[in-house]
């Protein structure tokens, strides 16, 4: 398995967990809690990075088959 696939999957999963955890904390602890916003923002960054990695891999694989 390619390292980009592994990292993309891990970043996407970590981002999903971070977003879910951050949103749960925001709704339970209040909007002014800065720690919950940090989890949510980092989750979005990791999720975006993982999706970007996976999209770049799939683009390269499909262009090589044609």
PDB file of N, CA and C in Angstrom:
ATOM      1  N   UNK A   1       0.843  -1.180   0.000  1.00  0.00           N
ATOM      2  CA  UNK A   1       0.000   0.000   0.000  1.00  0.00           C
ATOM      3  C   UNK A   1       0.890   1.247   0.000  1.00  0.00           C
ATOM      4  N   UNK A   2       0.472   2.223  -0.746  1.00  0.00           N
ATOM      5  CA  UNK A   2       1.239   3.448  -0.880  1.00  0.00           C
ATOM      6  C   UNK A   2       1.137   4.287   0.390  1.00  0.00           C
ATOM      7  N   UNK A   3       2.211   4.985   0.722  1.00  0.00           N
ATOM      8  CA  UNK A   3       2.238   5.791   1.945  1.00  0.00           C
ATOM      9  C   UNK A   3       1.238   6.941   1.877  1.00  0.00           C
ATOM     10  N   UNK A   4       0.991   7.473   0.667  1.00  0.00           N
ATOM     11  CA  UNK A   4       0.020   8.558   0.538  1.00  0.00           C
ATOM     12  C   UNK A   4      -1.395   8.079   0.843  1.00  0.00           C
ATOM     13  N   UNK A   5      -1.699   6.852   0.477  1.00  0.00           N
ATOM     14  CA  UNK A   5      -3.022   6.303   0.793  1.00  0.00           C
ATOM     15  C   UNK A   5      -3.193   6.137   2.302  1.00  0.00           C
ATOM     16  N   UNK A   6      -2.145   5.654   2.946  1.00  0.00           N
ATOM     17  CA  UNK A   6      -2.213   5.455   4.391  1.00  0.00           C
ATOM     18  C   UNK A   6      -2.357   6.793   5.111  1.00  0.00           C
ATOM     19  N   UNK A   7      -1.518   7.774   4.739  1.00  0.00           N
ATOM     20  CA  UNK A   7      -1.589   9.084   5.379  1.00  0.00           C
ATOM     21  C   UNK A   7      -2.918   9.783   5.087  1.00  0.00           C
ATOM     22  N   UNK A   8      -3.385   9.666   3.852  1.00  0.00           N
ATOM     23  CA  UNK A   8      -4.667  10.275   3.508  1.00  0.00           C
ATOM     24  C   UNK A   8      -5.812   9.701   4.317  1.00  0.00           C
ATOM     25  N   UNK A   9      -5.802   8.398   4.491  1.00  0.00           N
ATOM     26  CA  UNK A   9      -6.838   7.749   5.288  1.00  0.00           C
ATOM     27  C   UNK A   9      -6.743   8.151   6.760  1.00  0.00           C
ATOM     28  N   UNK A  10      -5.521   8.164   7.288  1.00  0.00           N
ATOM     29  CA  UNK A  10      -5.347   8.545   8.694  1.00  0.00           C
ATOM     30  C   UNK A  10      -5.734  10.002   8.937  1.00  0.00           C
ATOM     31  N   UNK A  11      -5.335  10.906   8.040  1.00  0.00           N
ATOM     32  CA  UNK A  11      -5.697  12.315   8.196  1.00  0.00           C
ATOM     33  C   UNK A  11      -7.202  12.509   8.108  1.00  0.00           C
ATOM     34  N   UNK A  12      -7.847  11.795   7.195  1.00  0.00           N
ATOM     35  CA  UNK A  12      -9.292  11.920   7.054  1.00  0.00           C
ATOM     36  C   UNK A  12     -10.008  11.413   8.306  1.00  0.00           C
ATOM     37  N   UNK A  13      -9.581  10.277   8.818  1.00  0.00           N
ATOM     38  CA  UNK A  13     -10.200   9.742  10.034  1.00  0.00           C
ATOM     39  C   UNK A  13      -9.933  10.637  11.247  1.00  0.00           C
ATOM     40  N   UNK A  14      -8.702  11.129  11.374  1.00  0.00           N
ATOM     41  CA  UNK A  14      -8.386  12.022  12.487  1.00  0.00           C
ATOM     42  C   UNK A  14      -9.189  13.317  12.380  1.00  0.00           C
ATOM     43  N   UNK A  15      -9.352  13.819  11.171  1.00  0.00           N
ATOM     44  CA  UNK A  15     -10.149  15.021  10.977  1.00  0.00           C
ATOM     45  C   UNK A  15     -11.606  14.813  11.317  1.00  0.00           C
ATOM     46  N   UNK A  16     -12.139  13.669  10.930  1.00  0.00           N
ATOM     47  CA  UNK A  16     -13.529  13.364  11.251  1.00  0.00           C
ATOM     48  C   UNK A  16     -13.738  13.287  12.763  1.00  0.00           C
ATOM     49  N   UNK A  17     -12.826  12.619  13.442  1.00  0.00           N
ATOM     50  CA  UNK A  17     -12.925  12.521  14.901  1.00  0.00           C
ATOM     51  C   UNK A  17     -12.796  13.899  15.532  1.00  0.00           C
ATOM     52  N   UNK A  18     -11.873  14.709  15.045  1.00  0.00           N
ATOM     53  CA  UNK A  18     -11.693  16.047  15.585  1.00  0.00           C
ATOM     54  C   UNK A  18     -12.906  16.934  15.387  1.00  0.00           C
ATOM     55  N   UNK A  19     -13.511  16.855  14.209  1.00  0.00           N
ATOM     56  CA  UNK A  19     -14.719  17.651  13.939  1.00  0.00           C
ATOM     57  C   UNK A  19     -15.858  17.221  14.853  1.00  0.00           C
ATOM     58  N   UNK A  20     -16.079  15.917  14.956  1.00  0.00           N
ATOM     59  CA  UNK A  20     -17.165  15.409  15.796  1.00  0.00           C
ATOM     60  C   UNK A  20     -16.938  15.787  17.258  1.00  0.00           C
ATOM     61  N   UNK A  21     -15.716  15.576  17.737  1.00  0.00           N
ATOM     62  CA  UNK A  21     -15.411  15.897  19.128  1.00  0.00           C
ATOM     63  C   UNK A  21     -15.556  17.398  19.391  1.00  0.00           C
ATOM     64  N   UNK A  22     -15.061  18.215  18.469  1.00  0.00           N
ATOM     65  CA  UNK A  22     -15.169  19.660  18.633  1.00  0.00           C
ATOM     66  C   UNK A  22     -16.601  20.159  18.630  1.00  0.00           C
ATOM     67  N   UNK A  23     -17.415  19.639  17.728  1.00  0.00           N
ATOM     68  CA  UNK A  23     -18.816  20.065  17.651  1.00  0.00           C
ATOM     69  C   UNK A  23     -19.581  19.627  18.895  1.00  0.00           C
ATOM     70  N   UNK A  24     -19.322  18.418  19.371  1.00  0.00           N
ATOM     71  CA  UNK A  24     -19.986  17.959  20.595  1.00  0.00           C
ATOM     72  C   UNK A  24     -19.601  18.857  21.769  1.00  0.00           C
ATOM     73  N   UNK A  25     -18.318  19.210  21.858  1.00  0.00           N
ATOM     74  CA  UNK A  25     -17.867  20.086  22.944  1.00  0.00           C
ATOM     75  C   UNK A  25     -18.462  21.489  22.817  1.00  0.00           C
ATOM     76  N   UNK A  26     -18.571  21.994  21.588  1.00  0.00           N
ATOM     77  CA  UNK A  26     -19.136  23.334  21.388  1.00  0.00           C
ATOM     78  C   UNK A  26     -20.587  23.369  21.858  1.00  0.00           C
ATOM     79  N   UNK A  27     -21.363  22.345  21.491  1.00  0.00           N
ATOM     80  CA  UNK A  27     -22.771  22.339  21.863  1.00  0.00           C
ATOM     81  C   UNK A  27     -23.003  22.022  23.334  1.00  0.00           C
ATOM     82  N   UNK A  28     -22.116  21.260  23.951  1.00  0.00           N
ATOM     83  CA  UNK A  28     -22.323  20.931  25.355  1.00  0.00           C
ATOM     84  C   UNK A  28     -21.692  21.965  26.299  1.00  0.00           C
ATOM     85  N   UNK A  29     -20.557  22.536  25.909  1.00  0.00           N
ATOM     86  CA  UNK A  29     -19.856  23.439  26.802  1.00  0.00           C
ATOM     87  C   UNK A  29     -20.073  24.908  26.525  1.00  0.00           C
ATOM     88  N   UNK A  30     -20.689  25.244  25.429  1.00  0.00           N
ATOM     89  CA  UNK A  30     -20.891  26.640  25.090  1.00  0.00           C
ATOM     90  C   UNK A  30     -19.950  27.096  23.992  1.00  0.00           C
ATOM     91  N   UNK A  31     -20.359  28.116  23.294  1.00  0.00           N
ATOM     92  CA  UNK A  31     -19.606  28.609  22.146  1.00  0.00           C
ATOM     93  C   UNK A  31     -18.322  29.315  22.580  1.00  0.00           C
ATOM     94  N   UNK A  32     -18.281  29.868  23.774  1.00  0.00           N
ATOM     95  CA  UNK A  32     -17.110  30.632  24.216  1.00  0.00           C
ATOM     96  C   UNK A  32     -15.927  29.759  24.624  1.00  0.00           C
ATOM     97  N   UNK A  33     -16.103  28.460  24.689  1.00  0.00           N
ATOM     98  CA  UNK A  33     -15.030  27.562  25.080  1.00  0.00           C
ATOM     99  C   UNK A  33     -14.021  27.465  23.927  1.00  0.00           C
ATOM    100  N   UNK A  34     -12.813  27.984  24.123  1.00  0.00           N
ATOM    101  CA  UNK A  34     -11.837  28.052  23.028  1.00  0.00           C
ATOM    102  C   UNK A  34     -11.235  26.689  22.697  1.00  0.00           C
ATOM    103  N   UNK A  35     -11.151  25.787  23.673  1.00  0.00           N
ATOM    104  CA  UNK A  35     -10.557  24.481  23.411  1.00  0.00           C
ATOM    105  C   UNK A  35     -11.405  23.678  22.419  1.00  0.00           C
ATOM    106  N   UNK A  36     -12.707  23.792  22.516  1.00  0.00           N
ATOM    107  CA  UNK A  36     -13.562  23.060  21.586  1.00  0.00           C
ATOM    108  C   UNK A  36     -13.423  23.603  20.166  1.00  0.00           C
ATOM    109  N   UNK A  37     -13.222  24.909  20.029  1.00  0.00           N
ATOM    110  CA  UNK A  37     -13.011  25.480  18.694  1.00  0.00           C
ATOM    111  C   UNK A  37     -11.699  25.008  18.092  1.00  0.00           C
ATOM    112  N   UNK A  38     -10.683  24.827  18.927  1.00  0.00           N
ATOM    113  CA  UNK A  38      -9.393  24.344  18.424  1.00  0.00           C
ATOM    114  C   UNK A  38      -9.540  22.940  17.857  1.00  0.00           C
ATOM    115  N   UNK A  39     -10.274  22.071  18.554  1.00  0.00           N
ATOM    116  CA  UNK A  39     -10.503  20.718  18.044  1.00  0.00           C
ATOM    117  C   UNK A  39     -11.257  20.751  16.718  1.00  0.00           C
ATOM    118  N   UNK A  40     -12.264  21.589  16.628  1.00  0.00           N
ATOM    119  CA  UNK A  40     -13.057  21.662  15.405  1.00  0.00           C
ATOM    120  C   UNK A  40     -12.231  22.199  14.237  1.00  0.00           C
ATOM    121  N   UNK A  41     -11.439  23.232  14.472  1.00  0.00           N
ATOM    122  CA  UNK A  41     -10.633  23.817  13.396  1.00  0.00           C
ATOM    123  C   UNK A  41      -9.540  22.852  12.949  1.00  0.00           C
ATOM    124  N   UNK A  42      -8.862  22.218  13.899  1.00  0.00           N
ATOM    125  CA  UNK A  42      -7.853  21.219  13.528  1.00  0.00           C
ATOM    126  C   UNK A  42      -8.483  20.029  12.801  1.00  0.00           C
ATOM    127  N   UNK A  43      -9.687  19.660  13.202  1.00  0.00           N
ATOM    128  CA  UNK A  43     -10.387  18.587  12.505  1.00  0.00           C
ATOM    129  C   UNK A  43     -10.666  18.934  11.056  1.00  0.00           C
ATOM    130  N   UNK A  44     -11.075  20.168  10.810  1.00  0.00           N
ATOM    131  CA  UNK A  44     -11.331  20.605   9.429  1.00  0.00           C
ATOM    132  C   UNK A  44     -10.035  20.610   8.626  1.00  0.00           C
ATOM    133  N   UNK A  45      -8.937  21.058   9.239  1.00  0.00           N
ATOM    134  CA  UNK A  45      -7.648  21.095   8.535  1.00  0.00           C
ATOM    135  C   UNK A  45      -7.187  19.681   8.194  1.00  0.00           C
ATOM    136  N   UNK A  46      -7.234  18.770   9.161  1.00  0.00           N
ATOM    137  CA  UNK A  46      -6.812  17.393   8.903  1.00  0.00           C
ATOM    138  C   UNK A  46      -7.734  16.708   7.900  1.00  0.00           C
ATOM    139  N   UNK A  47      -9.028  16.949   8.001  1.00  0.00           N
ATOM    140  CA  UNK A  47      -9.969  16.344   7.064  1.00  0.00           C
ATOM    141  C   UNK A  47      -9.696  16.826   5.642  1.00  0.00           C
ATOM    142  N   UNK A  48      -9.480  18.118   5.497  1.00  0.00           N
ATOM    143  CA  UNK A  48      -9.185  18.670   4.170  1.00  0.00           C
ATOM    144  C   UNK A  48      -7.879  18.136   3.603  1.00  0.00           C
ATOM    145  N   UNK A  49      -6.869  18.005   4.452  1.00  0.00           N
ATOM    146  CA  UNK A  49      -5.587  17.467   3.994  1.00  0.00           C
ATOM    147  C   UNK A  49      -5.725  16.007   3.559  1.00  0.00           C
ATOM    148  N   UNK A  50      -6.478  15.231   4.320  1.00  0.00           N
ATOM    149  CA  UNK A  50      -6.664  13.823   3.959  1.00  0.00           C
ATOM    150  C   UNK A  50      -7.442  13.656   2.669  1.00  0.00           C
ATOM    151  N   UNK A  51      -8.498  14.424   2.499  1.00  0.00           N
ATOM    152  CA  UNK A  51      -9.276  14.351   1.268  1.00  0.00           C
ATOM    153  C   UNK A  51      -8.438  14.807   0.079  1.00  0.00           C
ATOM    154  N   UNK A  52      -7.637  15.856   0.280  1.00  0.00           N
ATOM    155  CA  UNK A  52      -6.760  16.326  -0.787  1.00  0.00           C
ATOM    156  C   UNK A  52      -5.752  15.274  -1.220  1.00  0.00           C
ATOM    157  N   UNK A  53      -5.168  14.576  -0.250  1.00  0.00           N
ATOM    158  CA  UNK A  53      -4.233  13.498  -0.580  1.00  0.00           C
ATOM    159  C   UNK A  53      -4.923  12.370  -1.343  1.00  0.00           C
ATOM    160  N   UNK A  54      -6.091  11.978  -0.884  1.00  0.00           N
ATOM    161  CA  UNK A  54      -6.793  10.879  -1.545  1.00  0.00           C
ATOM    162  C   UNK A  54      -7.255  11.262  -2.944  1.00  0.00           C
ATOM    163  N   UNK A  55      -7.670  12.507  -3.129  1.00  0.00           N
ATOM    164  CA  UNK A  55      -8.090  12.943  -4.462  1.00  0.00           C
ATOM    165  C   UNK A  55      -6.906  12.993  -5.423  1.00  0.00           C
ATOM    166  N   UNK A  56      -5.746  13.415  -4.944  1.00  0.00           N
ATOM    167  CA  UNK A  56      -4.580  13.489  -5.829  1.00  0.00           C
ATOM    168  C   UNK A  56      -4.105  12.096  -6.239  1.00  0.00           C
ATOM    169  N   UNK A  57      -4.243  11.135  -5.358  1.00  0.00           N
ATOM    170  CA  UNK A  57      -3.843   9.761  -5.688  1.00  0.00           C
ATOM    171  C   UNK A  57      -4.785   9.171  -6.719  1.00  0.00           C
ATOM    172  N   UNK A  58      -6.074   9.362  -6.538  1.00  0.00           N
ATOM    173  CA  UNK A  58      -7.046   8.789  -7.466  1.00  0.00           C
ATOM    174  C   UNK A  58      -6.934   9.433  -8.836  1.00  0.00           C
ATOM    175  N   UNK A  59      -6.617  10.710  -8.907  1.00  0.00           N
ATOM    176  CA  UNK A  59      -6.429  11.386 -10.193  1.00  0.00           C
ATOM    177  C   UNK A  59      -5.247  10.805 -10.937  1.00  0.00           C
ATOM    178  N   UNK A  60      -4.151  10.545 -10.237  1.00  0.00           N
ATOM    179  CA  UNK A  60      -2.959   9.992 -10.862  1.00  0.00           C
ATOM    180  C   UNK A  60      -3.240   8.573 -11.323  1.00  0.00           C
ATOM    181  N   UNK A  61      -3.927   7.776 -10.546  1.00  0.00           N
ATOM    182  CA  UNK A  61      -4.196   6.393 -10.921  1.00  0.00           C
ATOM    183  C   UNK A  61      -5.101   6.305 -12.149  1.00  0.00           C
ATOM    184  N   UNK A  62      -6.105   7.165 -12.233  1.00  0.00           N
ATOM    185  CA  UNK A  62      -7.015   7.084 -13.373  1.00  0.00           C
ATOM    186  C   UNK A  62      -6.351   7.593 -14.643  1.00  0.00           C
ATOM    187  N   UNK A  63      -5.433   8.572 -14.533  1.00  0.00           N
ATOM    188  CA  UNK A  63      -4.781   9.081 -15.730  1.00  0.00           C
ATOM    189  C   UNK A  63      -3.747   8.089 -16.266  1.00  0.00           C
ATOM    190  N   UNK A  64      -3.174   7.244 -15.407  1.00  0.00           N
ATOM    191  CA  UNK A  64      -2.220   6.247 -15.866  1.00  0.00           C
ATOM    192  C   UNK A  64      -2.895   5.078 -16.587  1.00  0.00           C
ATOM    193  N   UNK A  65      -4.157   4.810 -16.263  1.00  0.00           N
ATOM    194  CA  UNK A  65      -4.860   3.687 -16.889  1.00  0.00           C
ATOM    195  C   UNK A  65      -5.284   4.002 -18.310  1.00  0.00           C
ATOM    196  N   UNK A  66      -5.445   5.267 -18.668  1.00  0.00           N
ATOM    197  CA  UNK A  66      -5.955   5.660 -19.983  1.00  0.00           C
ATOM    198  C   UNK A  66      -4.890   5.719 -20.954  1.00  0.00           C
TER     199      UNK A  66
END
